[in-house]
Amino acid sequence: MGAVRAIRTARAPARLLAGRTGTWRGRPTTWHKTFANGCEPDAATGDLFRV
């Protein structure tokens, strides 16, 4: 399953942490990445995290 969540700190603007877990060709796999804003996950992953 995947998730996208906003992370806000006092010193930095909001960032998005996106992640997916699942299987690929029968093997467990995990992927995660931090994006600077809400547009970057769409540009980098297409429909994968679109709600």
C-alpha atoms as a PDB file:
ATOM      1  CA  MET A   1       0.000   0.000   0.000  1.00  0.00           C
ATOM      2  CA  GLY A   2       1.092   3.556  -0.455  1.00  0.00           C
ATOM      3  CA  ALA A   3       0.792   6.822   1.337  1.00  0.00           C
ATOM      4  CA  VAL A   4       1.600  10.465   0.861  1.00  0.00           C
ATOM      5  CA  ARG A   5       1.776  12.784   3.836  1.00  0.00           C
ATOM      6  CA  ALA A   6       2.798  16.391   4.364  1.00  0.00           C
ATOM      7  CA  ILE A   7       5.601  17.135   6.803  1.00  0.00           C
ATOM      8  CA  ARG A   8       5.914  20.695   8.097  1.00  0.00           C
ATOM      9  CA  THR A   9       8.680  21.970  10.333  1.00  0.00           C
ATOM     10  CA  ALA A  10       9.351  25.410  11.787  1.00  0.00           C
ATOM     11  CA  ARG A  11      12.405  25.945   9.593  1.00  0.00           C
ATOM     12  CA  ALA A  12      11.386  24.329   6.323  1.00  0.00           C
ATOM     13  CA  PRO A  13       8.337  24.553   4.056  1.00  0.00           C
ATOM     14  CA  ALA A  14       5.977  21.596   3.779  1.00  0.00           C
ATOM     15  CA  ARG A  15       7.493  18.492   2.190  1.00  0.00           C
ATOM     16  CA  LEU A  16       5.741  15.353   1.032  1.00  0.00           C
ATOM     17  CA  LEU A  17       6.901  11.886   2.002  1.00  0.00           C
ATOM     18  CA  ALA A  18       5.605   9.266  -0.433  1.00  0.00           C
ATOM     19  CA  GLY A  19       6.000   5.534  -0.114  1.00  0.00           C
ATOM     20  CA  ARG A  20       4.794   2.242  -1.533  1.00  0.00           C
ATOM     21  CA  THR A  21       5.134  -1.338  -0.394  1.00  0.00           C
ATOM     22  CA  GLY A  22       4.076  -4.415  -2.296  1.00  0.00           C
ATOM     23  CA  THR A  23       5.430  -7.185  -4.460  1.00  0.00           C
ATOM     24  CA  TRP A  24       7.257  -7.120  -7.784  1.00  0.00           C
ATOM     25  CA  ARG A  25       7.506 -10.417  -9.647  1.00  0.00           C
ATOM     26  CA  GLY A  26       6.662 -12.291  -6.459  1.00  0.00           C
ATOM     27  CA  ARG A  27       9.248 -10.529  -4.280  1.00  0.00           C
ATOM     28  CA  PRO A  28       8.474  -8.001  -1.521  1.00  0.00           C
ATOM     29  CA  THR A  29       9.567  -4.453  -2.311  1.00  0.00           C
ATOM     30  CA  THR A  30       9.478  -1.029  -0.637  1.00  0.00           C
ATOM     31  CA  TRP A  31      10.007   2.440  -2.120  1.00  0.00           C
ATOM     32  CA  HIS A  32       9.962   5.876  -0.475  1.00  0.00           C
ATOM     33  CA  LYS A  33      10.999   9.382  -1.406  1.00  0.00           C
ATOM     34  CA  THR A  34      10.624  12.911  -0.019  1.00  0.00           C
ATOM     35  CA  PHE A  35       9.337  15.561  -2.415  1.00  0.00           C
ATOM     36  CA  ALA A  36       9.659  19.339  -2.016  1.00  0.00           C
ATOM     37  CA  ASN A  37       6.040  20.084  -2.944  1.00  0.00           C
ATOM     38  CA  GLY A  38       2.742  18.559  -4.069  1.00  0.00           C
ATOM     39  CA  CYS A  39       3.507  18.801  -7.786  1.00  0.00           C
ATOM     40  CA  GLU A  40       6.674  16.706  -7.738  1.00  0.00           C
ATOM     41  CA  PRO A  41       5.060  13.307  -6.949  1.00  0.00           C
ATOM     42  CA  ASP A  42       2.684  13.708  -9.912  1.00  0.00           C
ATOM     43  CA  ALA A  43       5.542  14.631 -12.242  1.00  0.00           C
ATOM     44  CA  ALA A  44       7.793  11.820 -11.007  1.00  0.00           C
ATOM     45  CA  THR A  45       5.288   8.983 -10.580  1.00  0.00           C
ATOM     46  CA  GLY A  46       2.212   9.853 -12.654  1.00  0.00           C
ATOM     47  CA  ASP A  47      -0.971   8.239 -11.320  1.00  0.00           C
ATOM     48  CA  LEU A  48       0.783   6.173  -8.649  1.00  0.00           C
ATOM     49  CA  PHE A  49      -0.029   8.579  -5.773  1.00  0.00           C
ATOM     50  CA  ARG A  50      -2.863  10.586  -7.317  1.00  0.00           C
ATOM     51  CA  VAL A  51      -5.970  10.557  -5.110  1.00  0.00           C
END
